Amino acid sequence: MNWLSNFVRPSLKEKLKGLVTQKEVPDNLWHKCPGCGHMIFHRDLDKALNVCQHCGHHMRLTVKKRLGMLFDDGHYQRIELPKVVDDPLKFKDQKRYSDRLKDTRSKTGEHDAIVVAHGRMGGLNVVVACFNFDFQGGSMGIAVGEGIVAAAELAVLQDAPLIVIPASGGARMQEGILSLMQMARTTVAVDKVKDKRLPYIVLLTDPTTGGVSASFAMLGDIAIAEPGAVIGFAGARVIESTIREKLPEGFQKAEYLLEHGMIDMVVPRRDLRATMIRVLSLLRNRAPAGELVALPIDTPDDVDQD
């Protein structure tokens, strides 16, 4: 039986391998909703713009999907951002910062945590600076600061509104004081846009915290947030341990901030584009909606004298 087991069976296996062997099933076909725990098929989730159909939980969007959702027909043009020193402080903890950057760039395909693009939204020219949370938590270092400055300068040059979409854990600790300096730089950049009387709109997504929320993210002429987005400076646990009190339910969520006057509106993702176009139209079209008609004014001579 040796010749049967050694020659015939292996031969049959090779011939039938492509017919009977099961193909490997990708492990990313289903996604679990962090809000309700339901499993959602990837195509359904993509069609719903990464919003759970069961509970409405807004999951994070990639930069590419975010920009494609907002611009007319999904068409936009990215700009090349200024080059900066990668590791100015030669920082090292468990791993060198320069090595972390290389790994993150390889995984995300992006140079840093911000993408600046321009195009049309509802027929209006706009400049958009969008954060990539997958790039080291969207943390703000020198490169991100340069991105915001470049976006502001482009908006002024094109006489276009500036839209910033933060998704960040705050300043990048590996760049130390240099990352904190970006808070002042980005604030000055936004002021230049406002000095030209151009609309500056901020779309707050989950999360917007730390030095980002303490600078340009909360300076918008209009502050719009996605449902359930965490928006604040320090984390809730840090605040509770500091003040030694229990925080209110939903503290730092978009709905809580809307209720307390910190933001202007909370808009579901499916309505974001239409809402932003409407806001931009109101801010940019300053002419009256209809023809002005002069009303007659009574003069003393027209008043009957008794």
C-alpha atoms as a PDB file:
ATOM      1  CA  MET A   1       0.000   0.000   0.000  1.00  0.00           C
ATOM      2  CA  ASN A   2       3.004   2.289   0.221  1.00  0.00           C
ATOM      3  CA  TRP A   3       2.957   3.154  -3.490  1.00  0.00           C
ATOM      4  CA  LEU A   4      -0.739   4.065  -3.217  1.00  0.00           C
ATOM      5  CA  SER A   5      -0.223   6.310  -0.214  1.00  0.00           C
ATOM      6  CA  ASN A   6       3.023   7.811  -1.511  1.00  0.00           C
ATOM      7  CA  PHE A   7       2.135   8.436  -5.181  1.00  0.00           C
ATOM      8  CA  VAL A   8      -1.566   8.105  -5.955  1.00  0.00           C
ATOM      9  CA  ARG A   9      -3.033  10.079  -3.046  1.00  0.00           C
ATOM     10  CA  PRO A  10      -0.630  13.040  -3.334  1.00  0.00           C
ATOM     11  CA  SER A  11      -1.262  13.143  -7.079  1.00  0.00           C
ATOM     12  CA  LEU A  12      -5.025  13.247  -6.565  1.00  0.00           C
ATOM     13  CA  LYS A  13      -4.669  15.938  -3.921  1.00  0.00           C
ATOM     14  CA  GLU A  14      -2.704  18.148  -6.285  1.00  0.00           C
ATOM     15  CA  LYS A  15      -5.277  17.726  -9.060  1.00  0.00           C
ATOM     16  CA  LEU A  16      -8.239  18.402  -6.774  1.00  0.00           C
ATOM     17  CA  LYS A  17      -6.576  21.125  -4.730  1.00  0.00           C
ATOM     18  CA  GLY A  18      -8.061  23.996  -6.658  1.00  0.00           C
ATOM     19  CA  LEU A  19     -11.515  22.376  -6.692  1.00  0.00           C
ATOM     20  CA  VAL A  20     -12.065  21.298  -3.137  1.00  0.00           C
ATOM     21  CA  THR A  21      -9.875  23.626  -1.074  1.00  0.00           C
ATOM     22  CA  GLN A  22     -11.921  26.385   0.562  1.00  0.00           C
ATOM     23  CA  LYS A  23     -10.832  29.926  -0.143  1.00  0.00           C
ATOM     24  CA  GLU A  24      -9.765  32.043   2.761  1.00  0.00           C
ATOM     25  CA  VAL A  25     -12.501  34.402   3.924  1.00  0.00           C
ATOM     26  CA  PRO A  26     -11.342  37.992   4.640  1.00  0.00           C
ATOM     27  CA  ASP A  27     -11.678  38.971   8.278  1.00  0.00           C
ATOM     28  CA  ASN A  28     -12.940  42.499   7.541  1.00  0.00           C
ATOM     29  CA  LEU A  29     -16.295  41.656   5.977  1.00  0.00           C
ATOM     30  CA  TRP A  30     -18.170  42.370   9.208  1.00  0.00           C
ATOM     31  CA  HIS A  31     -17.694  45.221  11.673  1.00  0.00           C
ATOM     32  CA  LYS A  32     -18.910  45.393  15.241  1.00  0.00           C
ATOM     33  CA  CYS A  33     -20.621  48.621  16.230  1.00  0.00           C
ATOM     34  CA  PRO A  34     -18.919  50.114  19.335  1.00  0.00           C
ATOM     35  CA  GLY A  35     -22.245  51.587  20.383  1.00  0.00           C
ATOM     36  CA  CYS A  36     -24.692  48.677  20.347  1.00  0.00           C
ATOM     37  CA  GLY A  37     -22.517  45.673  19.510  1.00  0.00           C
ATOM     38  CA  HIS A  38     -24.396  44.729  16.322  1.00  0.00           C
ATOM     39  CA  MET A  39     -22.406  43.152  13.492  1.00  0.00           C
ATOM     40  CA  ILE A  40     -22.710  45.160  10.258  1.00  0.00           C
ATOM     41  CA  PHE A  41     -21.766  43.959   6.784  1.00  0.00           C
ATOM     42  CA  HIS A  42     -18.972  46.091   5.353  1.00  0.00           C
ATOM     43  CA  ARG A  43     -20.910  47.137   2.248  1.00  0.00           C
ATOM     44  CA  ASP A  44     -23.901  48.251   4.302  1.00  0.00           C
ATOM     45  CA  LEU A  45     -21.596  50.183   6.619  1.00  0.00           C
ATOM     46  CA  ASP A  46     -19.847  51.853   3.691  1.00  0.00           C
ATOM     47  CA  LYS A  47     -23.173  52.818   2.124  1.00  0.00           C
ATOM     48  CA  ALA A  48     -24.287  54.339   5.442  1.00  0.00           C
ATOM     49  CA  LEU A  49     -21.087  56.451   5.681  1.00  0.00           C
ATOM     50  CA  ASN A  50     -19.851  54.423   8.667  1.00  0.00           C
ATOM     51  CA  VAL A  51     -22.988  55.103  10.707  1.00  0.00           C
ATOM     52  CA  CYS A  52     -24.653  52.187  12.503  1.00  0.00           C
ATOM     53  CA  GLN A  53     -28.155  51.545  11.140  1.00  0.00           C
ATOM     54  CA  HIS A  54     -29.255  50.125  14.498  1.00  0.00           C
ATOM     55  CA  CYS A  55     -28.236  52.784  17.006  1.00  0.00           C
ATOM     56  CA  GLY A  56     -26.935  55.688  14.889  1.00  0.00           C
ATOM     57  CA  HIS A  57     -23.427  55.507  16.323  1.00  0.00           C
ATOM     58  CA  HIS A  58     -21.017  57.524  14.148  1.00  0.00           C
ATOM     59  CA  MET A  59     -17.810  55.585  13.559  1.00  0.00           C
ATOM     60  CA  ARG A  60     -14.677  57.279  12.295  1.00  0.00           C
ATOM     61  CA  LEU A  61     -14.256  58.010   8.593  1.00  0.00           C
ATOM     62  CA  THR A  62     -11.030  57.921   6.624  1.00  0.00           C
ATOM     63  CA  VAL A  63      -9.796  61.209   5.201  1.00  0.00           C
ATOM     64  CA  LYS A  64     -10.426  60.006   1.655  1.00  0.00           C
ATOM     65  CA  LYS A  65     -14.069  59.128   2.371  1.00  0.00           C
ATOM     66  CA  ARG A  66     -14.599  62.327   4.327  1.00  0.00           C
ATOM     67  CA  LEU A  67     -13.356  64.570   1.530  1.00  0.00           C
ATOM     68  CA  GLY A  68     -15.149  62.568  -1.139  1.00  0.00           C
ATOM     69  CA  MET A  69     -18.395  62.953   0.814  1.00  0.00           C
ATOM     70  CA  LEU A  70     -18.139  66.751   1.084  1.00  0.00           C
ATOM     71  CA  PHE A  71     -16.816  67.974  -2.267  1.00  0.00           C
ATOM     72  CA  ASP A  72     -18.984  68.210  -5.378  1.00  0.00           C
ATOM     73  CA  ASP A  73     -18.939  64.840  -7.183  1.00  0.00           C
ATOM     74  CA  GLY A  74     -16.133  63.801  -4.827  1.00  0.00           C
ATOM     75  CA  HIS A  75     -13.611  65.838  -6.845  1.00  0.00           C
ATOM     76  CA  TYR A  76     -10.902  67.766  -5.021  1.00  0.00           C
ATOM     77  CA  GLN A  77      -7.225  68.592  -5.333  1.00  0.00           C
ATOM     78  CA  ARG A  78      -4.731  68.059  -2.534  1.00  0.00           C
ATOM     79  CA  ILE A  79      -1.858  70.472  -1.986  1.00  0.00           C
ATOM     80  CA  GLU A  80       1.699  69.589  -1.091  1.00  0.00           C
ATOM     81  CA  LEU A  81       2.500  70.691   2.431  1.00  0.00           C
ATOM     82  CA  PRO A  82       5.805  72.264   3.507  1.00  0.00           C
ATOM     83  CA  LYS A  83       8.535  69.856   4.573  1.00  0.00           C
ATOM     84  CA  VAL A  84       9.502  69.955   8.238  1.00  0.00           C
ATOM     85  CA  VAL A  85      12.115  68.307  10.437  1.00  0.00           C
ATOM     86  CA  ASP A  86      10.840  64.855  11.378  1.00  0.00           C
ATOM     87  CA  ASP A  87      12.414  64.454  14.815  1.00  0.00           C
ATOM     88  CA  PRO A  88      13.659  67.846  16.041  1.00  0.00           C
ATOM     89  CA  LEU A  89      14.168  66.696  19.654  1.00  0.00           C
ATOM     90  CA  LYS A  90      15.625  63.232  18.859  1.00  0.00           C
ATOM     91  CA  PHE A  91      12.911  61.857  21.126  1.00  0.00           C
ATOM     92  CA  LYS A  92      13.001  58.282  22.327  1.00  0.00           C
ATOM     93  CA  ASP A  93      10.861  56.335  24.793  1.00  0.00           C
ATOM     94  CA  GLN A  94      10.353  52.602  24.239  1.00  0.00           C
ATOM     95  CA  LYS A  95      10.981  53.321  20.565  1.00  0.00           C
ATOM     96  CA  ARG A  96      12.585  56.135  18.624  1.00  0.00           C
ATOM     97  CA  TYR A  97      10.147  58.758  17.395  1.00  0.00           C
ATOM     98  CA  SER A  98      11.687  58.652  13.914  1.00  0.00           C
ATOM     99  CA  ASP A  99      10.950  54.916  13.750  1.00  0.00           C
ATOM    100  CA  ARG A 100       7.353  55.502  14.874  1.00  0.00           C
ATOM    101  CA  LEU A 101       6.915  58.015  12.063  1.00  0.00           C
ATOM    102  CA  LYS A 102       8.249  55.564   9.497  1.00  0.00           C
ATOM    103  CA  ASP A 103       5.895  52.823  10.701  1.00  0.00           C
ATOM    104  CA  THR A 104       2.848  55.102  10.722  1.00  0.00           C
ATOM    105  CA  ARG A 105       3.627  56.498   7.281  1.00  0.00           C
ATOM    106  CA  SER A 106       3.960  52.981   5.951  1.00  0.00           C
ATOM    107  CA  LYS A 107       0.597  51.923   7.436  1.00  0.00           C
ATOM    108  CA  THR A 108      -1.412  55.020   6.470  1.00  0.00           C
ATOM    109  CA  GLY A 109       0.279  56.076   3.252  1.00  0.00           C
ATOM    110  CA  GLU A 110       0.252  59.672   4.543  1.00  0.00           C
ATOM    111  CA  HIS A 111       3.173  61.903   5.467  1.00  0.00           C
ATOM    112  CA  ASP A 112       1.491  63.262   8.593  1.00  0.00           C
ATOM    113  CA  ALA A 113      -1.828  63.666  10.378  1.00  0.00           C
ATOM    114  CA  ILE A 114      -3.361  66.361   8.162  1.00  0.00           C
ATOM    115  CA  VAL A 115      -4.508  66.621   4.551  1.00  0.00           C
ATOM    116  CA  VAL A 116      -5.283  69.963   2.887  1.00  0.00           C
ATOM    117  CA  ALA A 117      -7.460  70.020  -0.218  1.00  0.00           C
ATOM    118  CA  HIS A 118      -9.427  72.539  -2.240  1.00  0.00           C
ATOM    119  CA  GLY A 119     -12.347  72.248  -4.627  1.00  0.00           C
ATOM    120  CA  ARG A 120     -16.026  73.133  -4.883  1.00  0.00           C
ATOM    121  CA  MET A 121     -18.806  72.545  -2.425  1.00  0.00           C
ATOM    122  CA  GLY A 122     -22.233  73.467  -3.690  1.00  0.00           C
ATOM    123  CA  GLY A 123     -20.514  75.362  -6.500  1.00  0.00           C
ATOM    124  CA  LEU A 124     -18.472  77.486  -4.053  1.00  0.00           C
ATOM    125  CA  ASN A 125     -14.677  77.339  -3.838  1.00  0.00           C
ATOM    126  CA  VAL A 126     -13.588  76.028  -0.442  1.00  0.00           C
ATOM    127  CA  VAL A 127     -10.378  74.960   1.279  1.00  0.00           C
ATOM    128  CA  VAL A 128     -10.566  71.987   3.661  1.00  0.00           C
ATOM    129  CA  ALA A 129      -7.986  70.858   6.225  1.00  0.00           C
ATOM    130  CA  CYS A 130      -8.870  67.352   7.427  1.00  0.00           C
ATOM    131  CA  PHE A 131      -7.203  65.386  10.234  1.00  0.00           C
ATOM    132  CA  ASN A 132      -6.308  61.709   9.998  1.00  0.00           C
ATOM    133  CA  PHE A 133      -6.857  60.071  13.397  1.00  0.00           C
ATOM    134  CA  ASP A 134      -5.121  56.897  12.209  1.00  0.00           C
ATOM    135  CA  PHE A 135      -1.857  58.863  12.067  1.00  0.00           C
ATOM    136  CA  GLN A 136      -0.724  58.802  15.713  1.00  0.00           C
ATOM    137  CA  GLY A 137      -4.160  59.755  16.984  1.00  0.00           C
ATOM    138  CA  GLY A 138      -4.299  62.854  14.799  1.00  0.00           C
ATOM    139  CA  SER A 139      -1.858  64.528  17.181  1.00  0.00           C
ATOM    140  CA  MET A 140      -0.678  68.041  16.315  1.00  0.00           C
ATOM    141  CA  GLY A 141       3.019  68.512  15.694  1.00  0.00           C
ATOM    142  CA  ILE A 142       4.992  70.917  13.543  1.00  0.00           C
ATOM    143  CA  ALA A 143       3.740  69.328  10.300  1.00  0.00           C
ATOM    144  CA  VAL A 144       0.090  69.727  11.328  1.00  0.00           C
ATOM    145  CA  GLY A 145       0.726  73.342  12.302  1.00  0.00           C
ATOM    146  CA  GLU A 146       2.265  73.965   8.883  1.00  0.00           C
ATOM    147  CA  GLY A 147      -0.774  72.317   7.311  1.00  0.00           C
ATOM    148  CA  ILE A 148      -3.229  74.648   9.056  1.00  0.00           C
ATOM    149  CA  VAL A 149      -1.108  77.676   8.136  1.00  0.00           C
ATOM    150  CA  ALA A 150      -0.911  76.535   4.499  1.00  0.00           C
ATOM    151  CA  ALA A 151      -4.687  75.979   4.409  1.00  0.00           C
ATOM    152  CA  ALA A 152      -5.351  79.456   5.803  1.00  0.00           C
ATOM    153  CA  GLU A 153      -2.977  81.093   3.325  1.00  0.00           C
ATOM    154  CA  LEU A 154      -4.597  79.210   0.435  1.00  0.00           C
ATOM    155  CA  ALA A 155      -8.062  80.301   1.574  1.00  0.00           C
ATOM    156  CA  VAL A 156      -6.947  83.938   1.625  1.00  0.00           C
ATOM    157  CA  LEU A 157      -5.276  83.567  -1.784  1.00  0.00           C
ATOM    158  CA  GLN A 158      -8.380  81.992  -3.346  1.00  0.00           C
ATOM    159  CA  ASP A 159     -10.826  84.226  -1.462  1.00  0.00           C
ATOM    160  CA  ALA A 160     -12.482  81.013  -0.272  1.00  0.00           C
ATOM    161  CA  PRO A 161     -13.996  79.818   3.027  1.00  0.00           C
ATOM    162  CA  LEU A 162     -11.810  77.663   5.248  1.00  0.00           C
ATOM    163  CA  ILE A 163     -13.202  74.438   6.712  1.00  0.00           C
ATOM    164  CA  VAL A 164     -11.194  72.522   9.314  1.00  0.00           C
ATOM    165  CA  ILE A 165     -12.174  68.994  10.360  1.00  0.00           C
ATOM    166  CA  PRO A 166     -10.237  68.020  13.498  1.00  0.00           C
ATOM    167  CA  ALA A 167     -10.026  64.482  14.864  1.00  0.00           C
ATOM    168  CA  SER A 168      -7.214  64.604  17.370  1.00  0.00           C
ATOM    169  CA  GLY A 169      -6.024  63.644  20.810  1.00  0.00           C
ATOM    170  CA  GLY A 170      -4.157  66.953  21.123  1.00  0.00           C
ATOM    171  CA  ALA A 171      -0.531  68.043  20.873  1.00  0.00           C
ATOM    172  CA  ARG A 172       2.132  65.502  19.919  1.00  0.00           C
ATOM    173  CA  MET A 173       4.181  64.772  23.029  1.00  0.00           C
ATOM    174  CA  GLN A 174       7.231  63.594  21.071  1.00  0.00           C
ATOM    175  CA  GLU A 175       7.756  67.144  19.800  1.00  0.00           C
ATOM    176  CA  GLY A 176       7.488  68.764  23.217  1.00  0.00           C
ATOM    177  CA  ILE A 177       7.247  72.550  23.379  1.00  0.00           C
ATOM    178  CA  LEU A 178       7.437  72.751  19.591  1.00  0.00           C
ATOM    179  CA  SER A 179       4.047  71.058  19.341  1.00  0.00           C
ATOM    180  CA  LEU A 180       2.539  73.478  21.879  1.00  0.00           C
ATOM    181  CA  MET A 181       3.776  76.407  19.795  1.00  0.00           C
ATOM    182  CA  GLN A 182       1.443  75.260  17.029  1.00  0.00           C
ATOM    183  CA  MET A 183      -1.505  76.350  19.156  1.00  0.00           C
ATOM    184  CA  ALA A 184      -0.437  79.976  18.792  1.00  0.00           C
ATOM    185  CA  ARG A 185       0.583  79.604  15.119  1.00  0.00           C
ATOM    186  CA  THR A 186      -2.716  78.058  14.073  1.00  0.00           C
ATOM    187  CA  THR A 187      -4.689  80.696  15.996  1.00  0.00           C
ATOM    188  CA  VAL A 188      -2.842  83.465  14.161  1.00  0.00           C
ATOM    189  CA  ALA A 189      -3.432  81.695  10.833  1.00  0.00           C
ATOM    190  CA  VAL A 190      -7.181  81.506  11.496  1.00  0.00           C
ATOM    191  CA  ASP A 191      -7.240  85.194  12.436  1.00  0.00           C
ATOM    192  CA  LYS A 192      -5.810  86.047   9.001  1.00  0.00           C
ATOM    193  CA  VAL A 193      -8.769  84.296   7.385  1.00  0.00           C
ATOM    194  CA  LYS A 194     -11.196  86.197   9.594  1.00  0.00           C
ATOM    195  CA  ASP A 195      -9.443  89.520   8.869  1.00  0.00           C
ATOM    196  CA  LYS A 196     -10.320  88.973   5.189  1.00  0.00           C
ATOM    197  CA  ARG A 197     -13.956  88.448   6.236  1.00  0.00           C
ATOM    198  CA  LEU A 198     -13.894  84.883   4.943  1.00  0.00           C
ATOM    199  CA  PRO A 199     -16.027  82.228   6.668  1.00  0.00           C
ATOM    200  CA  TYR A 200     -14.161  79.878   8.978  1.00  0.00           C
ATOM    201  CA  ILE A 201     -16.144  76.725   9.771  1.00  0.00           C
ATOM    202  CA  VAL A 202     -15.072  73.909  12.089  1.00  0.00           C
ATOM    203  CA  LEU A 203     -16.556  70.422  11.817  1.00  0.00           C
ATOM    204  CA  LEU A 204     -15.861  68.741  15.160  1.00  0.00           C
ATOM    205  CA  THR A 205     -15.534  64.957  14.903  1.00  0.00           C
ATOM    206  CA  ASP A 206     -14.728  62.260  17.425  1.00  0.00           C
ATOM    207  CA  PRO A 207     -12.484  63.000  19.239  1.00  0.00           C
ATOM    208  CA  THR A 208     -11.466  66.667  19.379  1.00  0.00           C
ATOM    209  CA  THR A 209      -9.413  67.167  22.537  1.00  0.00           C
ATOM    210  CA  GLY A 210      -6.251  68.633  24.050  1.00  0.00           C
ATOM    211  CA  GLY A 211      -4.307  71.433  22.427  1.00  0.00           C
ATOM    212  CA  VAL A 212      -6.364  71.194  19.237  1.00  0.00           C
ATOM    213  CA  SER A 213      -9.614  72.014  21.035  1.00  0.00           C
ATOM    214  CA  ALA A 214      -7.766  74.693  23.034  1.00  0.00           C
ATOM    215  CA  SER A 215      -6.771  76.558  19.870  1.00  0.00           C
ATOM    216  CA  PHE A 216      -8.175  76.704  16.334  1.00  0.00           C
ATOM    217  CA  ALA A 217     -10.855  74.013  16.804  1.00  0.00           C
ATOM    218  CA  MET A 218     -13.052  76.212  19.004  1.00  0.00           C
ATOM    219  CA  LEU A 219     -12.592  79.458  17.077  1.00  0.00           C
ATOM    220  CA  GLY A 220     -14.941  78.772  14.170  1.00  0.00           C
ATOM    221  CA  ASP A 221     -17.526  81.297  13.048  1.00  0.00           C
ATOM    222  CA  ILE A 222     -19.821  78.271  12.955  1.00  0.00           C
ATOM    223  CA  ALA A 223     -19.076  75.180  15.036  1.00  0.00           C
ATOM    224  CA  ILE A 224     -20.740  72.003  13.759  1.00  0.00           C
ATOM    225  CA  ALA A 225     -20.348  68.601  15.412  1.00  0.00           C
ATOM    226  CA  GLU A 226     -21.220  65.028  14.552  1.00  0.00           C
ATOM    227  CA  PRO A 227     -23.554  63.171  16.944  1.00  0.00           C
ATOM    228  CA  GLY A 228     -21.801  61.615  19.910  1.00  0.00           C
ATOM    229  CA  ALA A 229     -18.433  63.235  19.214  1.00  0.00           C
ATOM    230  CA  VAL A 230     -16.196  63.678  22.271  1.00  0.00           C
ATOM    231  CA  ILE A 231     -15.123  67.322  22.488  1.00  0.00           C
ATOM    232  CA  GLY A 232     -13.097  68.779  25.333  1.00  0.00           C
ATOM    233  CA  PHE A 233      -9.649  69.549  26.687  1.00  0.00           C
ATOM    234  CA  ALA A 234      -8.696  67.063  29.407  1.00  0.00           C
ATOM    235  CA  GLY A 235     -10.149  63.571  29.666  1.00  0.00           C
ATOM    236  CA  ALA A 236     -13.215  62.964  31.827  1.00  0.00           C
ATOM    237  CA  ARG A 237     -11.319  60.719  34.259  1.00  0.00           C
ATOM    238  CA  VAL A 238      -8.631  63.366  34.750  1.00  0.00           C
ATOM    239  CA  ILE A 239     -11.268  66.008  35.477  1.00  0.00           C
ATOM    240  CA  GLU A 240     -13.105  63.771  37.944  1.00  0.00           C
ATOM    241  CA  SER A 241      -9.919  62.946  39.819  1.00  0.00           C
ATOM    242  CA  THR A 242      -9.001  66.648  39.932  1.00  0.00           C
ATOM    243  CA  ILE A 243     -12.306  68.106  41.144  1.00  0.00           C
ATOM    244  CA  ARG A 244     -13.267  64.910  43.008  1.00  0.00           C
ATOM    245  CA  GLU A 245     -16.810  65.029  41.731  1.00  0.00           C
ATOM    246  CA  LYS A 246     -18.881  62.868  39.421  1.00  0.00           C
ATOM    247  CA  LEU A 247     -19.362  64.499  36.031  1.00  0.00           C
ATOM    248  CA  PRO A 248     -22.839  64.804  34.467  1.00  0.00           C
ATOM    249  CA  GLU A 249     -24.077  62.110  32.092  1.00  0.00           C
ATOM    250  CA  GLY A 250     -22.836  62.696  28.548  1.00  0.00           C
ATOM    251  CA  PHE A 251     -20.260  65.269  29.661  1.00  0.00           C
ATOM    252  CA  GLN A 252     -18.012  66.340  26.730  1.00  0.00           C
ATOM    253  CA  LYS A 253     -20.366  64.791  24.165  1.00  0.00           C
ATOM    254  CA  ALA A 254     -21.521  66.966  21.258  1.00  0.00           C
ATOM    255  CA  GLU A 255     -25.135  67.021  22.464  1.00  0.00           C
ATOM    256  CA  TYR A 256     -24.077  68.229  25.923  1.00  0.00           C
ATOM    257  CA  LEU A 257     -21.999  71.034  24.434  1.00  0.00           C
ATOM    258  CA  LEU A 258     -24.883  72.078  22.179  1.00  0.00           C
ATOM    259  CA  GLU A 259     -27.222  72.239  25.160  1.00  0.00           C
ATOM    260  CA  HIS A 260     -24.754  74.460  27.020  1.00  0.00           C
ATOM    261  CA  GLY A 261     -24.048  76.819  24.117  1.00  0.00           C
ATOM    262  CA  MET A 262     -20.513  75.676  23.285  1.00  0.00           C
ATOM    263  CA  ILE A 263     -21.287  74.699  19.680  1.00  0.00           C
ATOM    264  CA  ASP A 264     -23.877  75.819  17.147  1.00  0.00           C
ATOM    265  CA  MET A 265     -25.363  72.579  15.833  1.00  0.00           C
ATOM    266  CA  VAL A 266     -25.133  68.794  15.866  1.00  0.00           C
ATOM    267  CA  VAL A 267     -25.700  67.354  12.408  1.00  0.00           C
ATOM    268  CA  PRO A 268     -25.953  63.678  11.375  1.00  0.00           C
ATOM    269  CA  ARG A 269     -23.338  62.653   8.838  1.00  0.00           C
ATOM    270  CA  ARG A 270     -25.843  62.079   6.029  1.00  0.00           C
ATOM    271  CA  ASP A 271     -26.935  65.744   6.331  1.00  0.00           C
ATOM    272  CA  LEU A 272     -23.504  67.325   6.763  1.00  0.00           C
ATOM    273  CA  ARG A 273     -22.836  68.239   3.147  1.00  0.00           C
ATOM    274  CA  ALA A 274     -26.249  69.861   2.622  1.00  0.00           C
ATOM    275  CA  THR A 275     -25.982  71.736   5.923  1.00  0.00           C
ATOM    276  CA  MET A 276     -22.501  73.059   5.205  1.00  0.00           C
ATOM    277  CA  ILE A 277     -23.505  74.163   1.705  1.00  0.00           C
ATOM    278  CA  ARG A 278     -26.479  76.030   3.173  1.00  0.00           C
ATOM    279  CA  VAL A 279     -24.293  77.712   5.804  1.00  0.00           C
ATOM    280  CA  LEU A 280     -21.649  78.680   3.237  1.00  0.00           C
ATOM    281  CA  SER A 281     -24.304  80.107   0.918  1.00  0.00           C
ATOM    282  CA  LEU A 282     -25.724  82.266   3.707  1.00  0.00           C
ATOM    283  CA  LEU A 283     -22.282  83.549   4.668  1.00  0.00           C
ATOM    284  CA  ARG A 284     -21.007  84.152   1.142  1.00  0.00           C
ATOM    285  CA  ASN A 285     -24.094  85.428  -0.665  1.00  0.00           C
ATOM    286  CA  ARG A 286     -24.440  88.758   1.082  1.00  0.00           C
ATOM    287  CA  ALA A 287     -26.724  90.300  -1.538  1.00  0.00           C
ATOM    288  CA  PRO A 288     -30.438  90.484  -0.628  1.00  0.00           C
ATOM    289  CA  ALA A 289     -32.518  87.521  -1.713  1.00  0.00           C
ATOM    290  CA  GLY A 290     -35.006  89.695  -3.605  1.00  0.00           C
ATOM    291  CA  GLU A 291     -35.311  93.133  -5.144  1.00  0.00           C
ATOM    292  CA  LEU A 292     -35.536  95.975  -2.657  1.00  0.00           C
ATOM    293  CA  VAL A 293     -38.693  98.053  -2.987  1.00  0.00           C
ATOM    294  CA  ALA A 294     -38.787 101.541  -1.538  1.00  0.00           C
ATOM    295  CA  LEU A 295     -41.822 102.135   0.649  1.00  0.00           C
ATOM    296  CA  PRO A 296     -43.541 105.540   0.603  1.00  0.00           C
ATOM    297  CA  ILE A 297     -42.848 107.661   3.665  1.00  0.00           C
ATOM    298  CA  ASP A 298     -45.459 110.043   4.968  1.00  0.00           C
ATOM    299  CA  THR A 299     -44.323 113.654   5.161  1.00  0.00           C
ATOM    300  CA  PRO A 300     -45.858 116.388   7.323  1.00  0.00           C
ATOM    301  CA  ASP A 301     -47.634 117.822   4.258  1.00  0.00           C
ATOM    302  CA  ASP A 302     -49.347 114.453   3.629  1.00  0.00           C
ATOM    303  CA  VAL A 303     -50.774 114.281   7.134  1.00  0.00           C
ATOM    304  CA  ASP A 304     -54.311 115.528   7.441  1.00  0.00           C
ATOM    305  CA  GLN A 305     -54.633 118.526   9.676  1.00  0.00           C
ATOM    306  CA  ASP A 306     -57.740 118.560  11.842  1.00  0.00           C
END
